[in-house]
Structure formats: C-alpha cells, structure tokens
C-alpha cells in the first residue's frame, strides 16, 4: 500500500466577502480566540461581542473593499496558488491542503478531507515565519483539538517557525532587490504587533528586557516573537547591504499603547517630520498580500507620510507565490519528512 503525506498549509484567515455581515462573522471568530485576546473568558466575550465587533465591523468592511480584487481576497487567492505550486514541486507522494485558522476553508473541514484520504503522515505548516502564540500557537492548538477526536491519529509533525530559513530569507531579499535601497531615505521592517504581555509570556523568568531580544537569539528566547522579528531583519538587511543606522524595526496594527514598540505609524510620521521624503517598507511577517500590507502600509501609511511632509512610501511586495517562497516551503516539508532540523 502506498504511503502518502498530507501537507496542511495554514494562514490566518479572511472574510468570505467584504460585506459587513461576513466581516462581522470573521472578526467574531478571530477575536474570540483566547490566544488572540488573552483575558478572562467572560470579559473577552463582553468586550469582543458587545463592543469591538459591533463597532469595528462596518469600518473594517469598508477597508476590506479596498483590498478586494477581481480574484477576491488576495490572501486566499495567493494561498491557492501556493498550494498548487507546492503540490507540483512535491509530487504525487504528497497531498497539499490549504486551510485558514478563521473562516474558510476552515481547519475542521480541511482536516476532515485529510482524514478521509487516510494519509500515513500529516505535516502542519502555518504560513507564519516567526512564532507567536496568537498565530502559530493558535493554529497548532486547533489542529490538535480536532486530531484528538480522531479514532486513528497518524504520525503528525508541526513546523513552529522558520524566520531564519535560507530560502525564506532569499525570497525576502529577492523581493527587496526589486528596489534600490540607496534611493530611499530610510527602510522600515514592519511586523504585526502583539501585546507586550503576550510576548513576555515566552520567558519563564523576566521579560524581553532581560534577554537582549533585540540583539541576539539565544537558547532562552528562541520562540520570542520580538527576538525573531529582529533576527529576520538583521539577516535581510545584511544580505541587502543596508547598515543598521538606515533601518528601523517597528510594529503595526496595534489595539492599544501596551503593544510592541516602536509603532510603525508613529515611525512613519517621525521620518516625515525629520525631512525624509522616501521610505522603503518590508513586511516580513506577512507572506501574502493582506489588509495589513496592501491597505495599512501601502495606502494608509502613504497618506500619513504625505500629510507630515513626506512623498513616497514604497511597500515591498509580499512573497505571495514567489518561486523562492515555494522552494522554502518544499524544503520545510522535506525536512519534516526526513525528521531533520536545520
């Protein structure tokens, strides 16, 4: 009997459409995840369902309409293209699936398809290069919750992170080389923000400040989101020849002032107010075009920069279905299949 491996790619998710009702449904599922908003259950339910979602859904729907294309959600569109390309690269001994942590195609639905195809092994590969409990951790937990109900649980392996994988870095560098960094006044590496308390939870004793997370990766901070974001930045900047004084690591999409700093929007304003005219912005935590890259950076930060005296914010495109990104995913799958670690 032929032994096959199922590869489950997981991204964060997208509304089914930019309508208010679909965006409301998406936000409700997303924000009720205890790994996303890690406060007591009752308080989270009241905050999310009575305050955040009702007031945020109409505004978010308007923003999603700016993101939507003739192909629908870019996150799902490029997810499908990656799925197809990776399937072609891996061949008939593998079956590649795509799921979203929130909304469709849902993890329960896709795992049910995997179960019915009876693979001998499942490799779970979230499309998040840097580990965070609210992204990779949540995806892994949901997969384990469902697998725990199966009568037969095959061999399963989970990819936790790959922020320093050579092919991932090569893909980012290839995207960056489409632009001449010397033609820009400054370079930003903008990552999705997280509450400081969530990031500090990875440290059994102390906080990021006690582990030099902005400067080095050690045995103690391997899964620290802040540390891996800074590590990715150092590696990409070095490969592109961008000196430390010419770039800034920053964090976007915050909900309050207790999130990781510096905040990307404030850095954009400060750059403009200091006389800078052109910014180049990488978004290495987002592997596909999405609201945070296309709209927040490409549109909102452009307007913000212009309002404060700047001229051009140039977004470095996400990896989407870049061949080097597919190469990275293939190498991660092969590594897991062989039980190896880089």
Protein backbone atom coordinates (compact mmCIF):
# COMPACT_ATOMS: atom_id res chain seq x y z
CA UNK A 1 0.00 0.00 0.00
CA UNK A 2 1.38 3.41 -0.99
CA UNK A 3 2.31 5.67 1.88
CA UNK A 4 1.31 9.31 1.41
CA UNK A 5 1.93 12.51 3.35
CA UNK A 6 -0.63 15.27 3.79
CA UNK A 7 0.78 18.79 3.99
CA UNK A 8 -1.54 21.26 5.69
CA UNK A 9 -0.75 24.91 4.97
CA UNK A 10 -2.47 27.31 7.36
CA UNK A 11 -2.85 31.06 7.12
CA UNK A 12 -4.67 33.42 9.46
CA UNK A 13 -7.89 33.86 7.50
CA UNK A 14 -10.10 36.22 5.58
CA UNK A 15 -13.77 37.15 5.45
CA UNK A 16 -15.78 35.35 2.78
CA UNK A 17 -16.57 38.75 1.29
CA UNK A 18 -16.14 42.43 2.24
CA UNK A 19 -19.77 42.66 3.32
CA UNK A 20 -20.44 43.85 6.87
CA UNK A 21 -22.05 40.54 7.85
CA UNK A 22 -19.12 38.44 6.59
CA UNK A 23 -16.56 40.76 8.17
CA UNK A 24 -18.52 40.65 11.43
CA UNK A 25 -18.51 36.86 11.38
CA UNK A 26 -14.77 36.78 10.68
CA UNK A 27 -13.92 39.27 13.42
CA UNK A 28 -16.09 37.44 15.92
CA UNK A 29 -14.32 34.14 15.35
CA UNK A 30 -10.88 35.76 15.26
CA UNK A 31 -11.18 37.98 18.32
CA UNK A 32 -12.93 35.39 20.49
CA UNK A 33 -9.84 33.17 20.25
CA UNK A 34 -8.30 33.15 23.77
CA UNK A 35 -4.83 33.11 22.25
CA UNK A 36 -5.60 36.36 20.42
CA UNK A 37 -7.24 38.25 23.28
CA UNK A 38 -5.85 36.52 26.35
CA UNK A 39 -8.12 37.85 29.06
CA UNK A 40 -10.72 36.02 31.22
CA UNK A 41 -13.48 34.32 29.21
CA UNK A 42 -16.42 36.45 30.35
CA UNK A 43 -14.56 39.72 29.94
CA UNK A 44 -13.40 38.69 26.47
CA UNK A 45 -16.96 37.76 25.42
CA UNK A 46 -18.34 41.08 26.62
CA UNK A 47 -15.53 43.12 25.13
CA UNK A 48 -15.49 41.38 21.75
CA UNK A 49 -19.17 40.72 21.15
CA UNK A 50 -20.68 43.85 22.66
CA UNK A 51 -18.06 46.48 21.93
CA UNK A 52 -15.29 45.62 19.45
CA UNK A 53 -17.12 43.63 16.76
CA UNK A 54 -20.32 45.75 16.53
CA UNK A 55 -18.38 48.99 16.19
CA UNK A 56 -15.43 47.68 14.18
CA UNK A 57 -17.23 45.53 11.58
CA UNK A 58 -18.67 48.37 9.43
CA UNK A 59 -15.34 50.22 9.35
CA UNK A 60 -13.38 47.05 8.62
CA UNK A 61 -15.81 46.14 5.83
CA UNK A 62 -15.08 49.45 4.10
CA UNK A 63 -11.36 48.74 4.36
CA UNK A 64 -11.73 45.19 3.04
CA UNK A 65 -13.47 46.62 -0.03
CA UNK A 66 -10.22 48.47 -0.77
CA UNK A 67 -8.31 45.20 -0.54
CA UNK A 68 -10.70 43.02 -2.56
CA UNK A 69 -9.80 42.30 -6.18
CA UNK A 70 -11.48 40.57 -9.10
CA UNK A 71 -9.93 37.39 -7.68
CA UNK A 72 -11.47 38.02 -4.26
CA UNK A 73 -9.31 38.05 -1.13
CA UNK A 74 -5.58 38.22 -2.04
CA UNK A 75 -4.76 36.07 1.00
CA UNK A 76 -6.94 33.25 -0.28
CA UNK A 77 -6.04 33.79 -3.94
CA UNK A 78 -2.31 33.52 -3.31
CA UNK A 79 -2.86 30.74 -0.79
CA UNK A 80 -4.44 28.65 -3.56
CA UNK A 81 -1.59 29.47 -5.92
CA UNK A 82 0.97 28.44 -3.31
CA UNK A 83 -0.96 25.23 -2.68
CA UNK A 84 -0.92 24.38 -6.39
CA UNK A 85 2.73 25.29 -6.89
CA UNK A 86 3.87 23.35 -3.84
CA UNK A 87 1.84 20.32 -4.96
CA UNK A 88 3.63 20.41 -8.31
CA UNK A 89 7.01 20.62 -6.60
CA UNK A 90 6.36 17.81 -4.10
CA UNK A 91 4.79 15.33 -6.49
CA UNK A 92 2.30 12.51 -6.12
CA UNK A 93 3.60 11.16 -2.79
CA UNK A 94 2.27 14.31 -1.10
CA UNK A 95 -1.16 15.90 -0.96
CA UNK A 96 -1.12 19.63 -0.21
CA UNK A 97 -4.09 21.27 1.50
CA UNK A 98 -4.83 24.88 2.44
CA UNK A 99 -6.83 25.99 5.48
CA UNK A 100 -7.48 29.24 7.30
CA UNK A 101 -7.42 29.49 11.06
CA UNK A 102 -10.51 31.68 10.88
CA UNK A 103 -13.34 31.26 8.35
CA UNK A 104 -12.90 29.35 5.08
CA UNK A 105 -11.55 26.95 4.07
CA UNK A 106 -11.73 26.05 7.74
CA UNK A 107 -9.33 23.77 9.58
CA UNK A 108 -12.12 21.34 10.63
CA UNK A 109 -13.37 21.00 7.05
CA UNK A 110 -9.92 20.52 5.56
CA UNK A 111 -8.82 18.07 8.24
CA UNK A 112 -11.94 16.03 7.56
CA UNK A 113 -10.89 15.80 3.90
CA UNK A 114 -7.42 14.73 5.01
CA UNK A 115 -8.87 12.09 7.33
CA UNK A 116 -10.98 10.59 4.56
CA UNK A 117 -7.89 10.29 2.35
CA UNK A 118 -6.14 8.31 5.09
CA UNK A 119 -2.54 9.63 4.89
CA UNK A 120 0.20 7.90 6.84
CA UNK A 121 1.56 11.27 7.99
CA UNK A 122 0.44 14.89 8.36
CA UNK A 123 2.82 17.86 8.26
CA UNK A 124 1.26 21.03 9.65
CA UNK A 125 2.90 24.13 8.22
CA UNK A 126 1.49 27.52 9.28
CA UNK A 127 2.47 30.34 6.93
CA UNK A 128 3.84 32.45 9.80
CA UNK A 129 7.68 32.69 9.71
CA UNK A 130 8.03 33.98 13.28
CA UNK A 131 6.31 32.04 16.07
CA UNK A 132 3.60 33.77 18.08
CA UNK A 133 1.02 32.16 20.32
CA UNK A 134 -1.73 34.20 18.64
CA UNK A 135 -0.86 32.86 15.17
CA UNK A 136 1.22 29.66 15.01
CA UNK A 137 0.25 28.60 18.52
CA UNK A 138 -3.46 29.04 17.80
CA UNK A 139 -3.24 27.13 14.51
CA UNK A 140 -1.39 24.26 16.16
CA UNK A 141 -3.83 24.14 19.06
CA UNK A 142 -6.84 23.98 16.72
CA UNK A 143 -5.29 21.14 14.71
CA UNK A 144 -4.51 19.21 17.90
CA UNK A 145 -8.04 19.78 19.21
CA UNK A 146 -9.52 18.19 16.13
CA UNK A 147 -6.98 15.39 15.79
CA UNK A 148 -7.63 14.45 19.41
CA UNK A 149 -11.14 13.35 18.41
CA UNK A 150 -9.96 11.03 15.63
CA UNK A 151 -10.04 7.30 16.29
CA UNK A 152 -6.88 6.81 14.25
CA UNK A 153 -4.30 9.57 14.62
CA UNK A 154 -1.48 9.24 12.10
CA UNK A 155 2.06 10.45 12.57
CA UNK A 156 1.93 14.25 12.86
CA UNK A 157 4.64 16.90 12.84
CA UNK A 158 4.32 20.65 13.33
CA UNK A 159 6.52 23.37 11.86
CA UNK A 160 6.85 26.06 14.51
CA UNK A 161 8.85 28.77 12.75
CA UNK A 162 11.39 29.41 10.03
CA UNK A 163 12.32 33.08 10.40
CA UNK A 164 15.95 32.30 9.52
CA UNK A 165 15.46 29.61 6.89
CA UNK A 166 17.87 30.34 3.99
CA UNK A 167 15.22 30.05 1.25
CA UNK A 168 12.79 32.26 3.18
CA UNK A 169 15.48 34.91 3.52
CA UNK A 170 16.43 34.52 -0.15
CA UNK A 171 12.81 35.17 -1.11
CA UNK A 172 12.64 38.32 1.01
CA UNK A 173 15.94 39.53 -0.39
CA UNK A 174 14.77 38.86 -3.96
CA UNK A 175 11.68 40.98 -3.31
CA UNK A 176 13.82 43.71 -1.78
CA UNK A 177 16.21 43.77 -4.73
CA UNK A 178 13.39 44.95 -6.96
CA UNK A 179 14.15 48.33 -5.36
CA UNK A 180 17.39 50.19 -4.80
CA UNK A 181 17.51 50.85 -1.05
CA UNK A 182 20.02 53.64 -1.66
CA UNK A 183 17.27 55.63 -3.39
CA UNK A 184 15.27 55.78 -0.15
CA UNK A 185 15.95 57.90 2.91
CA UNK A 186 15.17 55.08 5.32
CA UNK A 187 13.99 51.45 5.40
CA UNK A 188 11.30 50.11 7.72
CA UNK A 189 10.79 46.48 8.66
CA UNK A 190 7.20 46.49 9.88
CA UNK A 191 5.83 43.43 11.70
CA UNK A 192 2.37 42.77 13.08
CA UNK A 193 2.17 43.99 16.64
CA UNK A 194 1.35 41.96 19.75
CA UNK A 195 0.62 42.92 23.36
CA UNK A 196 3.84 43.16 25.36
CA UNK A 197 2.42 40.75 27.95
CA UNK A 198 1.89 38.04 25.31
CA UNK A 199 5.45 38.31 24.06
CA UNK A 200 6.88 38.27 27.57
CA UNK A 201 4.98 35.05 28.38
CA UNK A 202 7.54 33.02 26.43
CA UNK A 203 10.13 33.85 29.07
CA UNK A 204 9.80 31.67 32.16
CA UNK A 205 11.58 34.33 34.18
CA UNK A 206 11.60 38.04 33.41
CA UNK A 207 10.81 39.76 30.12
CA UNK A 208 12.42 40.59 26.79
CA UNK A 209 14.42 43.31 28.50
CA UNK A 210 16.22 40.59 30.49
CA UNK A 211 17.19 38.53 27.45
CA UNK A 212 18.61 41.08 24.97
CA UNK A 213 15.91 40.05 22.49
CA UNK A 214 16.52 42.95 20.14
CA UNK A 215 20.17 41.98 19.64
CA UNK A 216 20.51 38.20 19.65
CA UNK A 217 18.84 34.80 19.57
CA UNK A 218 19.77 32.55 22.48
CA UNK A 219 18.51 29.32 23.96
CA UNK A 220 16.20 31.33 26.21
CA UNK A 221 14.47 33.46 23.57
CA UNK A 222 14.22 31.10 20.57
CA UNK A 223 10.43 31.44 20.48
CA UNK A 224 10.27 35.11 21.40
CA UNK A 225 8.38 36.94 18.66
CA UNK A 226 10.30 40.18 19.22
CA UNK A 227 13.64 38.36 19.08
CA UNK A 228 12.83 36.52 15.85
CA UNK A 229 11.49 39.66 14.17
CA UNK A 230 14.73 41.46 14.92
CA UNK A 231 16.73 38.41 13.79
CA UNK A 232 14.91 38.26 10.45
CA UNK A 233 15.57 41.96 9.98
CA UNK A 234 19.29 41.66 10.70
CA UNK A 235 19.66 38.80 8.23
CA UNK A 236 17.75 40.53 5.42
CA UNK A 237 19.41 43.90 5.98
CA UNK A 238 22.84 42.28 5.96
CA UNK A 239 22.12 40.44 2.71
CA UNK A 240 20.95 43.69 1.09
CA UNK A 241 23.83 45.73 2.48
CA UNK A 242 21.60 48.04 4.50
CA UNK A 243 23.52 49.39 7.51
CA UNK A 244 21.87 49.39 10.93
CA UNK A 245 21.56 53.18 11.08
CA UNK A 246 19.47 53.17 7.88
CA UNK A 247 16.67 50.90 9.03
CA UNK A 248 14.12 50.64 11.84
CA UNK A 249 12.22 47.63 13.16
CA UNK A 250 8.65 48.58 14.04
CA UNK A 251 5.25 47.04 14.77
CA UNK A 252 1.89 47.84 13.23
CA UNK A 253 -1.84 47.20 13.75
CA UNK A 254 -1.85 47.87 17.47
CA UNK A 255 -5.04 47.96 19.54
CA UNK A 256 -3.63 49.99 22.43
CA UNK A 257 -0.44 51.58 23.74
CA UNK A 258 0.70 48.43 25.58
CA UNK A 259 1.71 46.67 22.38
CA UNK A 260 5.21 46.17 20.98
CA UNK A 261 7.02 49.39 20.17
CA UNK A 262 8.05 51.37 18.23
CA UNK A 263 4.71 51.72 16.46
CA UNK A 264 5.00 51.73 12.67
CA UNK A 265 2.61 54.63 12.10
CA UNK A 266 4.49 56.83 14.56
CA UNK A 267 7.82 55.95 12.95
CA UNK A 268 6.37 56.91 9.55
CA UNK A 269 5.29 60.30 10.95
CA UNK A 270 8.65 60.86 12.65
CA UNK A 271 10.51 60.08 9.43
CA UNK A 272 8.42 62.60 7.52
CA UNK A 273 8.77 65.27 10.18
CA UNK A 274 12.55 64.83 10.17
CA UNK A 275 12.64 65.71 6.48
CA UNK A 276 12.71 62.27 4.88
CA UNK A 277 10.90 62.01 1.53
CA UNK A 278 11.06 58.34 0.55
CA UNK A 279 10.59 55.22 2.66
CA UNK A 280 11.01 51.57 1.68
CA UNK A 281 8.90 49.23 3.82
CA UNK A 282 9.31 45.46 4.24
CA UNK A 283 6.64 43.37 5.97
CA UNK A 284 8.43 40.06 6.70
CA UNK A 285 5.74 38.61 8.98
CA UNK A 286 3.15 38.63 6.18
CA UNK A 287 3.82 36.06 3.48
CA UNK A 288 0.84 37.08 1.30
CA UNK A 289 -0.85 40.33 0.40
CA UNK A 290 -3.43 41.24 3.02
CA UNK A 291 -5.15 44.13 4.76
CA UNK A 292 -2.06 44.97 6.80
CA UNK A 293 0.26 45.25 3.80
CA UNK A 294 -1.80 46.50 0.85
CA UNK A 295 -4.10 48.86 2.76
CA UNK A 296 -2.39 49.72 6.05
CA UNK A 297 1.13 50.16 4.69
CA UNK A 298 0.52 50.81 1.02
CA UNK A 299 -2.41 53.22 1.42
CA UNK A 300 -2.80 54.47 4.99
CA UNK A 301 0.91 54.94 5.71
CA UNK A 302 1.36 56.59 2.32
CA UNK A 303 -1.29 59.15 3.22
CA UNK A 304 0.11 59.60 6.73
CA UNK A 305 3.62 60.14 5.38
CA UNK A 306 2.39 62.69 2.86
CA UNK A 307 0.38 64.58 5.48
CA UNK A 308 3.54 65.08 7.54
CA UNK A 309 5.77 66.23 4.68
CA UNK A 310 6.96 63.00 3.06
CA UNK A 311 6.41 61.91 -0.52
CA UNK A 312 6.57 58.16 -1.14
CA UNK A 313 6.09 55.03 0.95
CA UNK A 314 7.11 52.08 -1.19
CA UNK A 315 5.81 48.73 0.04
CA UNK A 316 8.00 45.73 -0.80
CA UNK A 317 5.52 43.18 -2.09
CA UNK A 318 4.71 40.09 -0.02
CA UNK A 319 6.17 36.74 -1.05
CA UNK A 320 2.80 35.62 -2.44
CA UNK A 321 3.70 32.79 -4.87
CA UNK A 322 7.34 33.75 -5.49
CA UNK A 323 9.37 30.68 -6.63
CA UNK A 324 11.84 31.06 -3.75
CA UNK A 325 8.94 31.04 -1.29
CA UNK A 326 7.72 27.79 -2.81
CA UNK A 327 11.28 26.47 -2.54
CA UNK A 328 11.31 27.38 1.15
CA UNK A 329 8.04 25.55 1.81
CA UNK A 330 9.24 22.50 -0.09
CA UNK A 331 12.45 22.37 1.92
CA UNK A 332 10.49 22.70 5.17
CA UNK A 333 8.23 19.80 4.15
CA UNK A 334 11.16 17.61 3.10
CA UNK A 335 12.96 18.41 6.32
CA UNK A 336 9.97 17.33 8.39
CA UNK A 337 9.53 14.23 6.28
CA UNK A 338 13.09 13.22 6.97
CA UNK A 339 12.88 14.12 10.66
CA UNK A 340 15.64 16.70 10.35
CA UNK A 341 16.16 20.20 11.68
CA UNK A 342 18.35 22.87 10.17
